[in-house]
Amino acid sequence: MLHDIQTYMAQHGTVSVADLALHFRTQPTTLQPMLDKLCRKGRIRQRRDAVKCSGCTCCDQGTLEVYEWLGKGAQGTTPPSEPVAAVRHTV
């Protein structure tokens, strides 16, 4: 599953934990150890500037975590240039 997460993130760039959980049909808590490992390896980083969609009050705060793909072996120390919407709602 770790490889699948890397592939998905490489294709999408910036992804919320909620999007990953929905895509892989699992709980965010199941994904967290794998995301932590990818962070330690320097392949992804957590974005600290994620914001809720306008007027949203229904999102679980824990799923508003957003991660950015840096690539294999990247260190990703530069700050992001603009905030990212944490959750993509689909109807």
PDB file of N, CA and C in Angstrom:
ATOM      1  N   MET A   1       0.819  -1.197   0.000  1.00  0.00           N
ATOM      2  CA  MET A   1       0.000   0.000   0.000  1.00  0.00           C
ATOM      3  C   MET A   1       0.865   1.264   0.000  1.00  0.00           C
ATOM      4  N   LEU A   2       2.044   1.207   0.606  1.00  0.00           N
ATOM      5  CA  LEU A   2       2.934   2.361   0.630  1.00  0.00           C
ATOM      6  C   LEU A   2       3.288   2.796  -0.789  1.00  0.00           C
ATOM      7  N   HIS A   3       3.576   1.835  -1.642  1.00  0.00           N
ATOM      8  CA  HIS A   3       3.890   2.140  -3.039  1.00  0.00           C
ATOM      9  C   HIS A   3       2.683   2.783  -3.724  1.00  0.00           C
ATOM     10  N   ASP A   4       1.489   2.286  -3.456  1.00  0.00           N
ATOM     11  CA  ASP A   4       0.271   2.840  -4.056  1.00  0.00           C
ATOM     12  C   ASP A   4       0.042   4.285  -3.615  1.00  0.00           C
ATOM     13  N   ILE A   5       0.316   4.579  -2.351  1.00  0.00           N
ATOM     14  CA  ILE A   5       0.175   5.950  -1.847  1.00  0.00           C
ATOM     15  C   ILE A   5       1.163   6.860  -2.561  1.00  0.00           C
ATOM     16  N   GLN A   6       2.407   6.399  -2.714  1.00  0.00           N
ATOM     17  CA  GLN A   6       3.412   7.198  -3.420  1.00  0.00           C
ATOM     18  C   GLN A   6       2.985   7.481  -4.857  1.00  0.00           C
ATOM     19  N   THR A   7       2.486   6.472  -5.533  1.00  0.00           N
ATOM     20  CA  THR A   7       2.046   6.635  -6.919  1.00  0.00           C
ATOM     21  C   THR A   7       0.909   7.641  -7.006  1.00  0.00           C
ATOM     22  N   TYR A   8      -0.079   7.506  -6.121  1.00  0.00           N
ATOM     23  CA  TYR A   8      -1.228   8.415  -6.116  1.00  0.00           C
ATOM     24  C   TYR A   8      -0.773   9.851  -5.851  1.00  0.00           C
ATOM     25  N   MET A   9       0.111  10.025  -4.877  1.00  0.00           N
ATOM     26  CA  MET A   9       0.576  11.374  -4.548  1.00  0.00           C
ATOM     27  C   MET A   9       1.434  11.960  -5.660  1.00  0.00           C
ATOM     28  N   ALA A  10       2.239  11.148  -6.318  1.00  0.00           N
ATOM     29  CA  ALA A  10       3.047  11.637  -7.433  1.00  0.00           C
ATOM     30  C   ALA A  10       2.158  12.122  -8.573  1.00  0.00           C
ATOM     31  N   GLN A  11       1.030  11.458  -8.776  1.00  0.00           N
ATOM     32  CA  GLN A  11       0.103  11.848  -9.839  1.00  0.00           C
ATOM     33  C   GLN A  11      -0.686  13.105  -9.486  1.00  0.00           C
ATOM     34  N   HIS A  12      -1.006  13.289  -8.196  1.00  0.00           N
ATOM     35  CA  HIS A  12      -1.884  14.384  -7.787  1.00  0.00           C
ATOM     36  C   HIS A  12      -1.157  15.564  -7.150  1.00  0.00           C
ATOM     37  N   GLY A  13       0.087  15.391  -6.732  1.00  0.00           N
ATOM     38  CA  GLY A  13       0.864  16.497  -6.188  1.00  0.00           C
ATOM     39  C   GLY A  13       0.573  16.799  -4.731  1.00  0.00           C
ATOM     40  N   THR A  14      -0.547  17.436  -4.470  1.00  0.00           N
ATOM     41  CA  THR A  14      -0.954  17.804  -3.119  1.00  0.00           C
ATOM     42  C   THR A  14      -2.275  17.122  -2.817  1.00  0.00           C
ATOM     43  N   VAL A  15      -2.312  16.399  -1.708  1.00  0.00           N
ATOM     44  CA  VAL A  15      -3.460  15.547  -1.402  1.00  0.00           C
ATOM     45  C   VAL A  15      -3.793  15.643   0.082  1.00  0.00           C
ATOM     46  N   SER A  16      -5.083  15.704   0.391  1.00  0.00           N
ATOM     47  CA  SER A  16      -5.495  15.682   1.796  1.00  0.00           C
ATOM     48  C   SER A  16      -5.592  14.238   2.278  1.00  0.00           C
ATOM     49  N   VAL A  17      -5.500  14.073   3.585  1.00  0.00           N
ATOM     50  CA  VAL A  17      -5.662  12.741   4.168  1.00  0.00           C
ATOM     51  C   VAL A  17      -7.062  12.226   3.864  1.00  0.00           C
ATOM     52  N   ALA A  18      -8.044  13.125   3.845  1.00  0.00           N
ATOM     53  CA  ALA A  18      -9.420  12.726   3.523  1.00  0.00           C
ATOM     54  C   ALA A  18      -9.502  12.156   2.110  1.00  0.00           C
ATOM     55  N   ASP A  19      -8.821  12.791   1.159  1.00  0.00           N
ATOM     56  CA  ASP A  19      -8.812  12.285  -0.218  1.00  0.00           C
ATOM     57  C   ASP A  19      -8.151  10.908  -0.295  1.00  0.00           C
ATOM     58  N   LEU A  20      -7.041  10.754   0.408  1.00  0.00           N
ATOM     59  CA  LEU A  20      -6.358   9.458   0.418  1.00  0.00           C
ATOM     60  C   LEU A  20      -7.238   8.376   1.035  1.00  0.00           C
ATOM     61  N   ALA A  21      -7.875   8.702   2.146  1.00  0.00           N
ATOM     62  CA  ALA A  21      -8.741   7.728   2.816  1.00  0.00           C
ATOM     63  C   ALA A  21      -9.900   7.323   1.914  1.00  0.00           C
ATOM     64  N   LEU A  22     -10.465   8.288   1.218  1.00  0.00           N
ATOM     65  CA  LEU A  22     -11.569   8.004   0.305  1.00  0.00           C
ATOM     66  C   LEU A  22     -11.088   7.133  -0.862  1.00  0.00           C
ATOM     67  N   HIS A  23      -9.970   7.505  -1.441  1.00  0.00           N
ATOM     68  CA  HIS A  23      -9.446   6.766  -2.592  1.00  0.00           C
ATOM     69  C   HIS A  23      -9.089   5.319  -2.230  1.00  0.00           C
ATOM     70  N   PHE A  24      -8.421   5.143  -1.081  1.00  0.00           N
ATOM     71  CA  PHE A  24      -7.968   3.809  -0.687  1.00  0.00           C
ATOM     72  C   PHE A  24      -8.970   3.075   0.200  1.00  0.00           C
ATOM     73  N   ARG A  25     -10.122   3.691   0.399  1.00  0.00           N
ATOM     74  CA  ARG A  25     -11.204   3.081   1.193  1.00  0.00           C
ATOM     75  C   ARG A  25     -10.707   2.578   2.541  1.00  0.00           C
ATOM     76  N   THR A  26     -10.105   3.506   3.283  1.00  0.00           N
ATOM     77  CA  THR A  26      -9.572   3.179   4.599  1.00  0.00           C
ATOM     78  C   THR A  26      -9.737   4.372   5.528  1.00  0.00           C
ATOM     79  N   GLN A  27      -9.402   4.198   6.771  1.00  0.00           N
ATOM     80  CA  GLN A  27      -9.489   5.268   7.760  1.00  0.00           C
ATOM     81  C   GLN A  27      -8.212   6.109   7.739  1.00  0.00           C
ATOM     82  N   PRO A  28      -8.336   7.415   8.014  1.00  0.00           N
ATOM     83  CA  PRO A  28      -7.142   8.263   8.081  1.00  0.00           C
ATOM     84  C   PRO A  28      -6.104   7.746   9.081  1.00  0.00           C
ATOM     85  N   THR A  29      -6.558   7.166  10.179  1.00  0.00           N
ATOM     86  CA  THR A  29      -5.617   6.642  11.177  1.00  0.00           C
ATOM     87  C   THR A  29      -4.797   5.470  10.635  1.00  0.00           C
ATOM     88  N   THR A  30      -5.331   4.759   9.671  1.00  0.00           N
ATOM     89  CA  THR A  30      -4.598   3.663   9.032  1.00  0.00           C
ATOM     90  C   THR A  30      -3.490   4.212   8.140  1.00  0.00           C
ATOM     91  N   LEU A  31      -3.741   5.354   7.523  1.00  0.00           N
ATOM     92  CA  LEU A  31      -2.775   5.956   6.603  1.00  0.00           C
ATOM     93  C   LEU A  31      -1.631   6.665   7.325  1.00  0.00           C
ATOM     94  N   GLN A  32      -1.888   7.153   8.526  1.00  0.00           N
ATOM     95  CA  GLN A  32      -0.932   8.028   9.208  1.00  0.00           C
ATOM     96  C   GLN A  32       0.469   7.432   9.366  1.00  0.00           C
ATOM     97  N   PRO A  33       0.624   6.173   9.790  1.00  0.00           N
ATOM     98  CA  PRO A  33       1.990   5.628   9.890  1.00  0.00           C
ATOM     99  C   PRO A  33       2.727   5.603   8.547  1.00  0.00           C
ATOM    100  N   MET A  34       2.006   5.360   7.473  1.00  0.00           N
ATOM    101  CA  MET A  34       2.637   5.338   6.151  1.00  0.00           C
ATOM    102  C   MET A  34       3.023   6.746   5.709  1.00  0.00           C
ATOM    103  N   LEU A  35       2.166   7.726   6.000  1.00  0.00           N
ATOM    104  CA  LEU A  35       2.486   9.113   5.673  1.00  0.00           C
ATOM    105  C   LEU A  35       3.684   9.587   6.494  1.00  0.00           C
ATOM    106  N   ASP A  36       3.732   9.195   7.762  1.00  0.00           N
ATOM    107  CA  ASP A  36       4.878   9.547   8.607  1.00  0.00           C
ATOM    108  C   ASP A  36       6.174   8.974   8.038  1.00  0.00           C
ATOM    109  N   LYS A  37       6.119   7.742   7.565  1.00  0.00           N
ATOM    110  CA  LYS A  37       7.310   7.106   6.979  1.00  0.00           C
ATOM    111  C   LYS A  37       7.762   7.845   5.725  1.00  0.00           C
ATOM    112  N   LEU A  38       6.809   8.221   4.874  1.00  0.00           N
ATOM    113  CA  LEU A  38       7.155   8.959   3.655  1.00  0.00           C
ATOM    114  C   LEU A  38       7.729  10.332   3.986  1.00  0.00           C
ATOM    115  N   CYS A  39       7.240  10.949   5.063  1.00  0.00           N
ATOM    116  CA  CYS A  39       7.807  12.228   5.515  1.00  0.00           C
ATOM    117  C   CYS A  39       9.254  12.038   5.971  1.00  0.00           C
ATOM    118  N   ARG A  40       9.494  11.007   6.755  1.00  0.00           N
ATOM    119  CA  ARG A  40      10.853  10.734   7.237  1.00  0.00           C
ATOM    120  C   ARG A  40      11.818  10.470   6.087  1.00  0.00           C
ATOM    121  N   LYS A  41      11.327   9.846   5.025  1.00  0.00           N
ATOM    122  CA  LYS A  41      12.167   9.559   3.855  1.00  0.00           C
ATOM    123  C   LYS A  41      12.356  10.786   2.966  1.00  0.00           C
ATOM    124  N   GLY A  42      11.624  11.867   3.248  1.00  0.00           N
ATOM    125  CA  GLY A  42      11.749  13.084   2.459  1.00  0.00           C
ATOM    126  C   GLY A  42      10.979  13.056   1.152  1.00  0.00           C
ATOM    127  N   ARG A  43      10.034  12.147   1.016  1.00  0.00           N
ATOM    128  CA  ARG A  43       9.264  12.045  -0.231  1.00  0.00           C
ATOM    129  C   ARG A  43       8.022  12.920  -0.230  1.00  0.00           C
ATOM    130  N   ILE A  44       7.490  13.191   0.955  1.00  0.00           N
ATOM    131  CA  ILE A  44       6.340  14.085   1.085  1.00  0.00           C
ATOM    132  C   ILE A  44       6.593  15.012   2.267  1.00  0.00           C
ATOM    133  N   ARG A  45       5.807  16.067   2.354  1.00  0.00           N
ATOM    134  CA  ARG A  45       5.828  16.915   3.545  1.00  0.00           C
ATOM    135  C   ARG A  45       4.407  17.346   3.842  1.00  0.00           C
ATOM    136  N   GLN A  46       4.172  17.593   5.105  1.00  0.00           N
ATOM    137  CA  GLN A  46       2.852  18.062   5.505  1.00  0.00           C
ATOM    138  C   GLN A  46       2.771  19.556   5.258  1.00  0.00           C
ATOM    139  N   ARG A  47       1.704  19.974   4.607  1.00  0.00           N
ATOM    140  CA  ARG A  47       1.463  21.397   4.366  1.00  0.00           C
ATOM    141  C   ARG A  47       0.784  21.971   5.594  1.00  0.00           C
ATOM    142  N   ARG A  48       1.311  23.016   6.118  1.00  0.00           N
ATOM    143  CA  ARG A  48       0.760  23.642   7.323  1.00  0.00           C
ATOM    144  C   ARG A  48      -0.233  24.749   7.000  1.00  0.00           C
ATOM    145  N   ASP A  49      -0.449  25.022   5.729  1.00  0.00           N
ATOM    146  CA  ASP A  49      -1.287  26.148   5.329  1.00  0.00           C
ATOM    147  C   ASP A  49      -2.639  25.729   4.778  1.00  0.00           C
ATOM    148  N   ALA A  50      -3.053  24.499   5.015  1.00  0.00           N
ATOM    149  CA  ALA A  50      -4.339  24.020   4.494  1.00  0.00           C
ATOM    150  C   ALA A  50      -5.485  24.778   5.153  1.00  0.00           C
ATOM    151  N   VAL A  51      -6.492  25.079   4.357  1.00  0.00           N
ATOM    152  CA  VAL A  51      -7.661  25.807   4.857  1.00  0.00           C
ATOM    153  C   VAL A  51      -8.924  25.045   4.495  1.00  0.00           C
ATOM    154  N   LYS A  52      -9.947  25.251   5.299  1.00  0.00           N
ATOM    155  CA  LYS A  52     -11.240  24.648   4.979  1.00  0.00           C
ATOM    156  C   LYS A  52     -11.829  25.352   3.770  1.00  0.00           C
ATOM    157  N   CYS A  53     -12.723  24.651   3.090  1.00  0.00           N
ATOM    158  CA  CYS A  53     -13.438  25.297   1.999  1.00  0.00           C
ATOM    159  C   CYS A  53     -14.342  26.370   2.608  1.00  0.00           C
ATOM    160  N   SER A  54     -14.726  27.345   1.866  1.00  0.00           N
ATOM    161  CA  SER A  54     -15.451  28.479   2.429  1.00  0.00           C
ATOM    162  C   SER A  54     -16.767  28.062   3.059  1.00  0.00           C
ATOM    163  N   GLY A  55     -16.940  28.470   4.302  1.00  0.00           N
ATOM    164  CA  GLY A  55     -18.181  28.204   5.015  1.00  0.00           C
ATOM    165  C   GLY A  55     -18.331  26.791   5.535  1.00  0.00           C
ATOM    166  N   CYS A  56     -17.343  25.949   5.342  1.00  0.00           N
ATOM    167  CA  CYS A  56     -17.459  24.549   5.749  1.00  0.00           C
ATOM    168  C   CYS A  56     -17.325  24.421   7.262  1.00  0.00           C
ATOM    169  N   THR A  57     -18.267  23.723   7.859  1.00  0.00           N
ATOM    170  CA  THR A  57     -18.192  23.444   9.292  1.00  0.00           C
ATOM    171  C   THR A  57     -18.343  21.959   9.574  1.00  0.00           C
ATOM    172  N   CYS A  58     -18.410  21.149   8.529  1.00  0.00           N
ATOM    173  CA  CYS A  58     -18.675  19.722   8.722  1.00  0.00           C
ATOM    174  C   CYS A  58     -17.429  18.851   8.618  1.00  0.00           C
ATOM    175  N   CYS A  59     -16.310  19.395   8.216  1.00  0.00           N
ATOM    176  CA  CYS A  59     -15.106  18.590   8.035  1.00  0.00           C
ATOM    177  C   CYS A  59     -14.478  18.237   9.376  1.00  0.00           C
ATOM    178  N   ASP A  60     -14.033  17.014   9.499  1.00  0.00           N
ATOM    179  CA  ASP A  60     -13.296  16.566  10.670  1.00  0.00           C
ATOM    180  C   ASP A  60     -11.918  17.218  10.636  1.00  0.00           C
ATOM    181  N   GLN A  61     -11.540  17.861  11.723  1.00  0.00           N
ATOM    182  CA  GLN A  61     -10.260  18.566  11.779  1.00  0.00           C
ATOM    183  C   GLN A  61      -9.086  17.645  11.441  1.00  0.00           C
ATOM    184  N   GLY A  62      -9.166  16.389  11.830  1.00  0.00           N
ATOM    185  CA  GLY A  62      -8.090  15.442  11.557  1.00  0.00           C
ATOM    186  C   GLY A  62      -7.891  15.150  10.087  1.00  0.00           C
ATOM    187  N   THR A  63      -8.933  15.292   9.278  1.00  0.00           N
ATOM    188  CA  THR A  63      -8.804  15.005   7.851  1.00  0.00           C
ATOM    189  C   THR A  63      -8.378  16.232   7.050  1.00  0.00           C
ATOM    190  N   LEU A  64      -8.183  17.361   7.723  1.00  0.00           N
ATOM    191  CA  LEU A  64      -7.755  18.566   7.024  1.00  0.00           C
ATOM    192  C   LEU A  64      -6.244  18.593   6.806  1.00  0.00           C
ATOM    193  N   GLU A  65      -5.577  17.544   7.201  1.00  0.00           N
ATOM    194  CA  GLU A  65      -4.143  17.455   6.962  1.00  0.00           C
ATOM    195  C   GLU A  65      -3.901  17.281   5.467  1.00  0.00           C
ATOM    196  N   VAL A  66      -2.954  18.045   4.960  1.00  0.00           N
ATOM    197  CA  VAL A  66      -2.630  18.004   3.539  1.00  0.00           C
ATOM    198  C   VAL A  66      -1.144  17.709   3.390  1.00  0.00           C
ATOM    199  N   TYR A  67      -0.836  16.821   2.459  1.00  0.00           N
ATOM    200  CA  TYR A  67       0.549  16.450   2.193  1.00  0.00           C
ATOM    201  C   TYR A  67       0.892  16.763   0.748  1.00  0.00           C
ATOM    202  N   GLU A  68       2.143  17.140   0.538  1.00  0.00           N
ATOM    203  CA  GLU A  68       2.641  17.506  -0.788  1.00  0.00           C
ATOM    204  C   GLU A  68       3.722  16.515  -1.213  1.00  0.00           C
ATOM    205  N   TRP A  69       3.626  16.038  -2.441  1.00  0.00           N
ATOM    206  CA  TRP A  69       4.619  15.125  -2.998  1.00  0.00           C
ATOM    207  C   TRP A  69       5.874  15.905  -3.340  1.00  0.00           C
ATOM    208  N   LEU A  70       7.016  15.437  -2.887  1.00  0.00           N
ATOM    209  CA  LEU A  70       8.295  16.071  -3.178  1.00  0.00           C
ATOM    210  C   LEU A  70       9.131  15.249  -4.139  1.00  0.00           C
ATOM    211  N   GLY A  71       8.852  13.969  -4.227  1.00  0.00           N
ATOM    212  CA  GLY A  71       9.619  13.086  -5.089  1.00  0.00           C
ATOM    213  C   GLY A  71      10.560  12.226  -4.279  1.00  0.00           C
ATOM    214  N   LYS A  72      11.128  11.254  -4.931  1.00  0.00           N
ATOM    215  CA  LYS A  72      12.050  10.345  -4.240  1.00  0.00           C
ATOM    216  C   LYS A  72      13.340  11.071  -3.901  1.00  0.00           C
ATOM    217  N   GLY A  73      13.686  11.046  -2.614  1.00  0.00           N
ATOM    218  CA  GLY A  73      14.934  11.644  -2.160  1.00  0.00           C
ATOM    219  C   GLY A  73      14.915  13.147  -2.003  1.00  0.00           C
ATOM    220  N   ALA A  74      13.783  13.814  -2.258  1.00  0.00           N
ATOM    221  CA  ALA A  74      13.703  15.266  -2.103  1.00  0.00           C
ATOM    222  C   ALA A  74      13.690  15.623  -0.626  1.00  0.00           C
ATOM    223  N   GLN A  75      14.163  16.803  -0.298  1.00  0.00           N
ATOM    224  CA  GLN A  75      14.187  17.219   1.100  1.00  0.00           C
ATOM    225  C   GLN A  75      13.092  18.217   1.439  1.00  0.00           C
ATOM    226  N   GLY A  76      12.598  18.988   0.493  1.00  0.00           N
ATOM    227  CA  GLY A  76      11.423  19.830   0.700  1.00  0.00           C
ATOM    228  C   GLY A  76      11.473  20.785   1.868  1.00  0.00           C
ATOM    229  N   THR A  77      12.447  21.673   1.909  1.00  0.00           N
ATOM    230  CA  THR A  77      12.538  22.597   3.022  1.00  0.00           C
ATOM    231  C   THR A  77      11.989  23.973   2.699  1.00  0.00           C
ATOM    232  N   THR A  78      11.641  24.234   1.454  1.00  0.00           N
ATOM    233  CA  THR A  78      11.117  25.544   1.100  1.00  0.00           C
ATOM    234  C   THR A  78       9.638  25.625   1.437  1.00  0.00           C
ATOM    235  N   PRO A  79       9.182  26.795   1.917  1.00  0.00           N
ATOM    236  CA  PRO A  79       7.774  26.929   2.274  1.00  0.00           C
ATOM    237  C   PRO A  79       6.890  26.949   1.040  1.00  0.00           C
ATOM    238  N   PRO A  80       5.646  26.507   1.160  1.00  0.00           N
ATOM    239  CA  PRO A  80       4.718  26.534   0.031  1.00  0.00           C
ATOM    240  C   PRO A  80       4.382  27.966  -0.344  1.00  0.00           C
ATOM    241  N   SER A  81       4.011  28.182  -1.592  1.00  0.00           N
ATOM    242  CA  SER A  81       3.764  29.534  -2.070  1.00  0.00           C
ATOM    243  C   SER A  81       2.353  30.030  -1.819  1.00  0.00           C
ATOM    244  N   GLU A  82       1.384  29.158  -1.721  1.00  0.00           N
ATOM    245  CA  GLU A  82       0.013  29.599  -1.496  1.00  0.00           C
ATOM    246  C   GLU A  82      -0.769  28.535  -0.740  1.00  0.00           C
ATOM    247  N   PRO A  83      -1.804  28.966   0.011  1.00  0.00           N
ATOM    248  CA  PRO A  83      -2.611  28.003   0.764  1.00  0.00           C
ATOM    249  C   PRO A  83      -3.312  27.015  -0.157  1.00  0.00           C
ATOM    250  N   VAL A  84      -3.629  25.867   0.385  1.00  0.00           N
ATOM    251  CA  VAL A  84      -4.281  24.800  -0.363  1.00  0.00           C
ATOM    252  C   VAL A  84      -5.591  24.464   0.312  1.00  0.00           C
ATOM    253  N   ALA A  85      -6.657  24.313  -0.468  1.00  0.00           N
ATOM    254  CA  ALA A  85      -7.924  23.844   0.095  1.00  0.00           C
ATOM    255  C   ALA A  85      -7.735  22.395   0.508  1.00  0.00           C
ATOM    256  N   ALA A  86      -8.079  22.079   1.745  1.00  0.00           N
ATOM    257  CA  ALA A  86      -7.781  20.766   2.297  1.00  0.00           C
ATOM    258  C   ALA A  86      -8.689  19.666   1.789  1.00  0.00           C
ATOM    259  N   VAL A  87      -9.918  19.968   1.492  1.00  0.00           N
ATOM    260  CA  VAL A  87     -10.869  18.922   1.140  1.00  0.00           C
ATOM    261  C   VAL A  87     -11.550  19.277  -0.162  1.00  0.00           C
ATOM    262  N   ARG A  88     -11.607  18.311  -1.052  1.00  0.00           N
ATOM    263  CA  ARG A  88     -12.347  18.491  -2.298  1.00  0.00           C
ATOM    264  C   ARG A  88     -13.680  17.792  -2.138  1.00  0.00           C
ATOM    265  N   HIS A  89     -14.742  18.581  -2.018  1.00  0.00           N
ATOM    266  CA  HIS A  89     -16.063  17.982  -1.877  1.00  0.00           C
ATOM    267  C   HIS A  89     -16.604  17.601  -3.244  1.00  0.00           C
ATOM    268  N   THR A  90     -17.157  16.415  -3.332  1.00  0.00           N
ATOM    269  CA  THR A  90     -17.780  15.991  -4.581  1.00  0.00           C
ATOM    270  C   THR A  90     -19.245  15.711  -4.325  1.00  0.00           C
ATOM    271  N   VAL A  91     -20.055  16.027  -5.290  1.00  0.00           N
ATOM    272  CA  VAL A  91     -21.503  15.831  -5.148  1.00  0.00           C
ATOM    273  C   VAL A  91     -21.947  14.701  -6.035  1.00  0.00           C
TER     274      VAL A  91
END
